[in-house]
Amino acid sequence: MSQGLNSADIDAIWAEKQKAKKAKRRNRKIEKEKLLINSLMDAFTIILCFLLKSFGSDPVQIRESDDLKLPRTSEEDKGLEDAIVIAISKRAIMVQDNKVADLRDGAVDESLKRDGQDGLLINPLLDALKERVQHLKMLAARTSRPFEGMALVVADSKTSYRLVTEVLYTAGQAEFEKFKFVAAEGAKYGTSLNN
């Protein structure tokens, strides 16, 4: 204070320094916010790139090896004109639109099965399929096309896995070796047969 500064001048200088410090702190906060926003933008960009990359990839990847060879499918409808349609509705099993067995609570009555309730073979279905096989073999003998043993299985979405197994087993006993399942496009993910 000996330099000729009075207390008002000192207070003004001190106030200016305080304002400069506050401005510096404010600028640091702004710089930190810019830094945080830039970091956040980088993180969003990385996440977006990851999602875009994984969006196009298949979620289930199964690799074939010598021990695991997957069956092949064809999109063509070759031979479907000789295929027998086996339909499983909520109330009946039908072969070519002819009812062969009634269903109660989604199951075939045990009296219609060869081995009772635990049996897989459905007798009336076997009889109907054998009749159709004889007819198809007779047609194959007259034409140049061999009997393919193809069956189209059309099942209600609520059909139990057990009933589908019984139908496939019975069809196998009637010389059907190839099966195609009919489904509608646009089904919701996760829809499956009940156990």
C-alpha atoms as a PDB file:
ATOM      1  CA  MET A   1       0.000   0.000   0.000  1.00  0.00           C
ATOM      2  CA  SER A   2       2.991   2.140   0.162  1.00  0.00           C
ATOM      3  CA  GLN A   3       3.042   2.440  -3.618  1.00  0.00           C
ATOM      4  CA  GLY A   4       0.270   4.914  -3.568  1.00  0.00           C
ATOM      5  CA  LEU A   5      -2.643   2.549  -3.925  1.00  0.00           C
ATOM      6  CA  ASN A   6      -5.513   3.198  -1.719  1.00  0.00           C
ATOM      7  CA  SER A   7      -7.792   0.516  -0.365  1.00  0.00           C
ATOM      8  CA  ALA A   8     -10.426   1.190  -3.078  1.00  0.00           C
ATOM      9  CA  ASP A   9      -7.858   0.498  -5.798  1.00  0.00           C
ATOM     10  CA  ILE A  10      -6.741  -2.668  -4.039  1.00  0.00           C
ATOM     11  CA  ASP A  11     -10.348  -3.828  -3.735  1.00  0.00           C
ATOM     12  CA  ALA A  12     -10.919  -3.160  -7.450  1.00  0.00           C
ATOM     13  CA  ILE A  13      -7.784  -5.130  -8.409  1.00  0.00           C
ATOM     14  CA  TRP A  14      -8.812  -7.957  -6.094  1.00  0.00           C
ATOM     15  CA  ALA A  15     -12.345  -7.968  -7.602  1.00  0.00           C
ATOM     16  CA  GLU A  16     -10.870  -8.070 -11.138  1.00  0.00           C
ATOM     17  CA  LYS A  17      -8.699 -11.035 -10.198  1.00  0.00           C
ATOM     18  CA  GLN A  18     -11.730 -12.781  -8.709  1.00  0.00           C
ATOM     19  CA  LYS A  19     -13.719 -12.148 -11.919  1.00  0.00           C
ATOM     20  CA  ALA A  20     -10.823 -13.487 -13.987  1.00  0.00           C
ATOM     21  CA  LYS A  21     -10.673 -16.628 -11.816  1.00  0.00           C
ATOM     22  CA  LYS A  22     -14.453 -17.127 -12.165  1.00  0.00           C
ATOM     23  CA  ALA A  23     -14.237 -16.659 -15.930  1.00  0.00           C
ATOM     24  CA  LYS A  24     -11.374 -19.166 -16.051  1.00  0.00           C
ATOM     25  CA  ARG A  25     -13.423 -21.690 -14.032  1.00  0.00           C
ATOM     26  CA  ARG A  26     -16.428 -21.098 -16.294  1.00  0.00           C
ATOM     27  CA  ASN A  27     -14.278 -21.691 -19.375  1.00  0.00           C
ATOM     28  CA  ARG A  28     -12.944 -24.893 -17.821  1.00  0.00           C
ATOM     29  CA  LYS A  29     -16.521 -26.102 -17.199  1.00  0.00           C
ATOM     30  CA  ILE A  30     -17.465 -25.332 -20.791  1.00  0.00           C
ATOM     31  CA  GLU A  31     -14.372 -27.176 -22.026  1.00  0.00           C
ATOM     32  CA  LYS A  32     -15.223 -30.145 -19.773  1.00  0.00           C
ATOM     33  CA  GLU A  33     -18.797 -30.174 -21.097  1.00  0.00           C
ATOM     34  CA  LYS A  34     -17.479 -30.099 -24.665  1.00  0.00           C
ATOM     35  CA  LEU A  35     -15.167 -32.945 -23.771  1.00  0.00           C
ATOM     36  CA  LEU A  36     -18.044 -34.940 -22.227  1.00  0.00           C
ATOM     37  CA  ILE A  37     -20.282 -34.333 -25.250  1.00  0.00           C
ATOM     38  CA  ASN A  38     -17.512 -35.389 -27.628  1.00  0.00           C
ATOM     39  CA  SER A  39     -16.870 -38.546 -25.589  1.00  0.00           C
ATOM     40  CA  LEU A  40     -20.571 -39.300 -25.539  1.00  0.00           C
ATOM     41  CA  MET A  41     -20.799 -38.833 -29.314  1.00  0.00           C
ATOM     42  CA  ASP A  42     -17.850 -41.209 -29.758  1.00  0.00           C
ATOM     43  CA  ALA A  43     -19.541 -43.826 -27.582  1.00  0.00           C
ATOM     44  CA  PHE A  44     -22.814 -43.517 -29.525  1.00  0.00           C
ATOM     45  CA  THR A  45     -20.924 -43.824 -32.810  1.00  0.00           C
ATOM     46  CA  ILE A  46     -19.182 -46.993 -31.633  1.00  0.00           C
ATOM     47  CA  ILE A  47     -22.463 -48.516 -30.419  1.00  0.00           C
ATOM     48  CA  LEU A  48     -24.212 -47.578 -33.657  1.00  0.00           C
ATOM     49  CA  CYS A  49     -21.443 -49.177 -35.752  1.00  0.00           C
ATOM     50  CA  PHE A  50     -21.619 -52.339 -33.629  1.00  0.00           C
ATOM     51  CA  LEU A  51     -25.407 -52.571 -33.972  1.00  0.00           C
ATOM     52  CA  LEU A  52     -25.305 -51.999 -37.718  1.00  0.00           C
ATOM     53  CA  LYS A  53     -22.645 -54.663 -38.128  1.00  0.00           C
ATOM     54  CA  SER A  54     -24.474 -57.231 -35.995  1.00  0.00           C
ATOM     55  CA  PHE A  55     -27.886 -56.397 -37.505  1.00  0.00           C
ATOM     56  CA  GLY A  56     -26.987 -58.008 -40.810  1.00  0.00           C
ATOM     57  CA  SER A  57     -25.389 -61.096 -39.328  1.00  0.00           C
ATOM     58  CA  ASP A  58     -27.284 -64.270 -38.512  1.00  0.00           C
ATOM     59  CA  PRO A  59     -27.955 -64.589 -34.764  1.00  0.00           C
ATOM     60  CA  VAL A  60     -27.524 -68.364 -34.880  1.00  0.00           C
ATOM     61  CA  GLN A  61     -24.394 -69.680 -36.516  1.00  0.00           C
ATOM     62  CA  ILE A  62     -24.081 -73.407 -37.027  1.00  0.00           C
ATOM     63  CA  ARG A  63     -20.888 -74.656 -38.569  1.00  0.00           C
ATOM     64  CA  GLU A  64     -20.821 -77.913 -40.467  1.00  0.00           C
ATOM     65  CA  SER A  65     -18.036 -80.405 -39.864  1.00  0.00           C
ATOM     66  CA  ASP A  66     -17.273 -84.011 -40.717  1.00  0.00           C
ATOM     67  CA  ASP A  67     -19.333 -85.034 -37.686  1.00  0.00           C
ATOM     68  CA  LEU A  68     -22.253 -82.720 -38.428  1.00  0.00           C
ATOM     69  CA  LYS A  69     -23.752 -82.581 -41.909  1.00  0.00           C
ATOM     70  CA  LEU A  70     -27.007 -80.669 -42.120  1.00  0.00           C
ATOM     71  CA  PRO A  71     -29.828 -81.942 -44.317  1.00  0.00           C
ATOM     72  CA  ARG A  72     -30.366 -79.970 -47.499  1.00  0.00           C
ATOM     73  CA  THR A  73     -33.602 -78.321 -48.509  1.00  0.00           C
ATOM     74  CA  SER A  74     -34.873 -77.325 -51.890  1.00  0.00           C
ATOM     75  CA  GLU A  75     -37.259 -74.507 -52.581  1.00  0.00           C
ATOM     76  CA  GLU A  76     -38.755 -76.157 -55.617  1.00  0.00           C
ATOM     77  CA  ASP A  77     -42.130 -77.889 -55.450  1.00  0.00           C
ATOM     78  CA  LYS A  78     -40.953 -80.847 -57.524  1.00  0.00           C
ATOM     79  CA  GLY A  79     -42.934 -83.946 -56.720  1.00  0.00           C
ATOM     80  CA  LEU A  80     -45.533 -82.191 -54.579  1.00  0.00           C
ATOM     81  CA  GLU A  81     -48.301 -83.269 -56.933  1.00  0.00           C
ATOM     82  CA  ASP A  82     -47.672 -86.849 -55.717  1.00  0.00           C
ATOM     83  CA  ALA A  83     -47.522 -85.809 -52.058  1.00  0.00           C
ATOM     84  CA  ILE A  84     -50.212 -86.875 -49.627  1.00  0.00           C
ATOM     85  CA  VAL A  85     -51.611 -84.117 -47.396  1.00  0.00           C
ATOM     86  CA  ILE A  86     -51.906 -85.076 -43.733  1.00  0.00           C
ATOM     87  CA  ALA A  87     -53.785 -82.360 -41.849  1.00  0.00           C
ATOM     88  CA  ILE A  88     -53.941 -82.126 -38.061  1.00  0.00           C
ATOM     89  CA  SER A  89     -56.661 -79.747 -36.898  1.00  0.00           C
ATOM     90  CA  LYS A  90     -57.814 -79.117 -33.349  1.00  0.00           C
ATOM     91  CA  ARG A  91     -60.537 -81.772 -33.719  1.00  0.00           C
ATOM     92  CA  ALA A  92     -59.342 -84.363 -36.249  1.00  0.00           C
ATOM     93  CA  ILE A  93     -56.597 -85.923 -38.352  1.00  0.00           C
ATOM     94  CA  MET A  94     -57.345 -85.906 -42.071  1.00  0.00           C
ATOM     95  CA  VAL A  95     -55.738 -87.510 -45.098  1.00  0.00           C
ATOM     96  CA  GLN A  96     -56.509 -85.710 -48.379  1.00  0.00           C
ATOM     97  CA  ASP A  97     -59.484 -83.917 -46.695  1.00  0.00           C
ATOM     98  CA  ASN A  98     -60.973 -87.209 -45.429  1.00  0.00           C
ATOM     99  CA  LYS A  99     -61.256 -87.471 -41.649  1.00  0.00           C
ATOM    100  CA  VAL A 100     -59.545 -90.599 -40.341  1.00  0.00           C
ATOM    101  CA  ALA A 101     -59.413 -89.973 -36.571  1.00  0.00           C
ATOM    102  CA  ASP A 102     -61.079 -87.663 -34.088  1.00  0.00           C
ATOM    103  CA  LEU A 103     -59.052 -85.797 -31.475  1.00  0.00           C
ATOM    104  CA  ARG A 104     -60.058 -85.152 -27.891  1.00  0.00           C
ATOM    105  CA  ASP A 105     -58.086 -82.471 -26.037  1.00  0.00           C
ATOM    106  CA  GLY A 106     -55.432 -82.575 -28.754  1.00  0.00           C
ATOM    107  CA  ALA A 107     -54.837 -86.341 -28.519  1.00  0.00           C
ATOM    108  CA  VAL A 108     -55.946 -89.490 -30.324  1.00  0.00           C
ATOM    109  CA  ASP A 109     -58.142 -91.847 -28.313  1.00  0.00           C
ATOM    110  CA  GLU A 110     -56.100 -94.774 -26.983  1.00  0.00           C
ATOM    111  CA  SER A 111     -58.523 -97.259 -28.555  1.00  0.00           C
ATOM    112  CA  LEU A 112     -57.354 -96.060 -31.999  1.00  0.00           C
ATOM    113  CA  LYS A 113     -53.679 -96.775 -31.233  1.00  0.00           C
ATOM    114  CA  ARG A 114     -51.952-100.114 -31.634  1.00  0.00           C
ATOM    115  CA  ASP A 115     -50.259-100.052 -28.215  1.00  0.00           C
ATOM    116  CA  GLY A 116     -52.798 -98.061 -26.221  1.00  0.00           C
ATOM    117  CA  GLN A 117     -52.201 -94.634 -24.731  1.00  0.00           C
ATOM    118  CA  ASP A 118     -48.393 -94.838 -24.858  1.00  0.00           C
ATOM    119  CA  GLY A 119     -48.340 -96.188 -28.415  1.00  0.00           C
ATOM    120  CA  LEU A 120     -47.186 -94.150 -31.402  1.00  0.00           C
ATOM    121  CA  LEU A 121     -49.007 -95.955 -34.217  1.00  0.00           C
ATOM    122  CA  ILE A 122     -52.488 -94.624 -35.062  1.00  0.00           C
ATOM    123  CA  ASN A 123     -54.386 -97.514 -36.726  1.00  0.00           C
ATOM    124  CA  PRO A 124     -56.991 -95.618 -38.826  1.00  0.00           C
ATOM    125  CA  LEU A 125     -54.290 -93.220 -40.085  1.00  0.00           C
ATOM    126  CA  LEU A 126     -52.053 -96.159 -41.032  1.00  0.00           C
ATOM    127  CA  ASP A 127     -54.918 -97.798 -42.960  1.00  0.00           C
ATOM    128  CA  ALA A 128     -55.750 -94.582 -44.842  1.00  0.00           C
ATOM    129  CA  LEU A 129     -52.099 -93.916 -45.693  1.00  0.00           C
ATOM    130  CA  LYS A 130     -51.476 -97.503 -46.881  1.00  0.00           C
ATOM    131  CA  GLU A 131     -54.499 -97.179 -49.175  1.00  0.00           C
ATOM    132  CA  ARG A 132     -53.092 -93.945 -50.618  1.00  0.00           C
ATOM    133  CA  VAL A 133     -49.643 -95.533 -51.034  1.00  0.00           C
ATOM    134  CA  GLN A 134     -51.138 -98.431 -53.017  1.00  0.00           C
ATOM    135  CA  HIS A 135     -52.937 -95.935 -55.236  1.00  0.00           C
ATOM    136  CA  LEU A 136     -49.761 -93.869 -55.783  1.00  0.00           C
ATOM    137  CA  LYS A 137     -47.680 -96.965 -56.519  1.00  0.00           C
ATOM    138  CA  MET A 138     -50.262 -98.086 -59.070  1.00  0.00           C
ATOM    139  CA  LEU A 139     -50.070 -94.661 -60.734  1.00  0.00           C
ATOM    140  CA  ALA A 140     -46.265 -94.781 -60.641  1.00  0.00           C
ATOM    141  CA  ALA A 141     -46.299 -98.150 -62.402  1.00  0.00           C
ATOM    142  CA  ARG A 142     -48.373 -96.661 -65.235  1.00  0.00           C
ATOM    143  CA  THR A 143     -46.256 -93.520 -65.569  1.00  0.00           C
ATOM    144  CA  SER A 144     -42.541 -92.937 -65.691  1.00  0.00           C
ATOM    145  CA  ARG A 145     -42.436 -91.212 -62.268  1.00  0.00           C
ATOM    146  CA  PRO A 146     -41.488 -93.401 -59.301  1.00  0.00           C
ATOM    147  CA  PHE A 147     -43.290 -93.338 -55.945  1.00  0.00           C
ATOM    148  CA  GLU A 148     -41.582 -90.581 -53.905  1.00  0.00           C
ATOM    149  CA  GLY A 149     -43.012 -91.298 -50.451  1.00  0.00           C
ATOM    150  CA  MET A 150     -43.642 -87.574 -49.839  1.00  0.00           C
ATOM    151  CA  ALA A 151     -46.148 -86.290 -47.263  1.00  0.00           C
ATOM    152  CA  LEU A 152     -47.164 -82.694 -46.588  1.00  0.00           C
ATOM    153  CA  VAL A 153     -47.938 -82.203 -42.916  1.00  0.00           C
ATOM    154  CA  VAL A 154     -50.322 -79.355 -42.138  1.00  0.00           C
ATOM    155  CA  ALA A 155     -50.760 -78.900 -38.396  1.00  0.00           C
ATOM    156  CA  ASP A 156     -52.568 -76.379 -36.248  1.00  0.00           C
ATOM    157  CA  SER A 157     -50.133 -74.097 -34.400  1.00  0.00           C
ATOM    158  CA  LYS A 158     -51.317 -75.480 -31.038  1.00  0.00           C
ATOM    159  CA  THR A 159     -50.695 -79.120 -31.995  1.00  0.00           C
ATOM    160  CA  SER A 160     -48.652 -80.981 -29.379  1.00  0.00           C
ATOM    161  CA  TYR A 161     -45.242 -82.363 -30.220  1.00  0.00           C
ATOM    162  CA  ARG A 162     -46.442 -85.817 -29.126  1.00  0.00           C
ATOM    163  CA  LEU A 163     -49.273 -85.833 -31.679  1.00  0.00           C
ATOM    164  CA  VAL A 164     -46.952 -84.704 -34.491  1.00  0.00           C
ATOM    165  CA  THR A 165     -44.547 -87.508 -33.504  1.00  0.00           C
ATOM    166  CA  GLU A 166     -47.376 -90.066 -33.619  1.00  0.00           C
ATOM    167  CA  VAL A 167     -48.475 -88.876 -37.063  1.00  0.00           C
ATOM    168  CA  LEU A 168     -44.906 -88.942 -38.445  1.00  0.00           C
ATOM    169  CA  TYR A 169     -44.243 -92.389 -36.978  1.00  0.00           C
ATOM    170  CA  THR A 170     -47.455 -93.763 -38.471  1.00  0.00           C
ATOM    171  CA  ALA A 171     -46.676 -92.201 -41.851  1.00  0.00           C
ATOM    172  CA  GLY A 172     -43.208 -93.750 -41.707  1.00  0.00           C
ATOM    173  CA  GLN A 173     -44.780 -97.169 -41.163  1.00  0.00           C
ATOM    174  CA  ALA A 174     -46.858 -96.579 -44.317  1.00  0.00           C
ATOM    175  CA  GLU A 175     -43.658 -96.094 -46.422  1.00  0.00           C
ATOM    176  CA  PHE A 176     -43.493 -92.303 -46.290  1.00  0.00           C
ATOM    177  CA  GLU A 177     -39.871 -91.236 -46.019  1.00  0.00           C
ATOM    178  CA  LYS A 178     -39.987 -87.523 -46.875  1.00  0.00           C
ATOM    179  CA  PHE A 179     -41.974 -84.892 -45.052  1.00  0.00           C
ATOM    180  CA  LYS A 180     -42.606 -81.234 -45.685  1.00  0.00           C
ATOM    181  CA  PHE A 181     -44.262 -79.077 -43.085  1.00  0.00           C
ATOM    182  CA  VAL A 182     -46.558 -76.307 -44.202  1.00  0.00           C
ATOM    183  CA  ALA A 183     -46.343 -72.941 -42.411  1.00  0.00           C
ATOM    184  CA  ALA A 184     -47.661 -69.465 -43.079  1.00  0.00           C
ATOM    185  CA  GLU A 185     -45.283 -66.563 -43.593  1.00  0.00           C
ATOM    186  CA  GLY A 186     -45.080 -63.811 -41.017  1.00  0.00           C
ATOM    187  CA  ALA A 187     -45.241 -65.919 -37.860  1.00  0.00           C
ATOM    188  CA  LYS A 188     -44.111 -64.262 -34.647  1.00  0.00           C
ATOM    189  CA  TYR A 189     -40.656 -65.129 -33.359  1.00  0.00           C
ATOM    190  CA  GLY A 190     -40.733 -67.834 -30.752  1.00  0.00           C
ATOM    191  CA  THR A 191     -43.809 -69.659 -31.993  1.00  0.00           C
ATOM    192  CA  SER A 192     -43.242 -73.386 -31.536  1.00  0.00           C
ATOM    193  CA  LEU A 193     -44.983 -76.664 -30.960  1.00  0.00           C
ATOM    194  CA  ASN A 194     -46.221 -77.296 -27.440  1.00  0.00           C
ATOM    195  CA  ASN A 195     -44.738 -80.165 -25.437  1.00  0.00           C
END
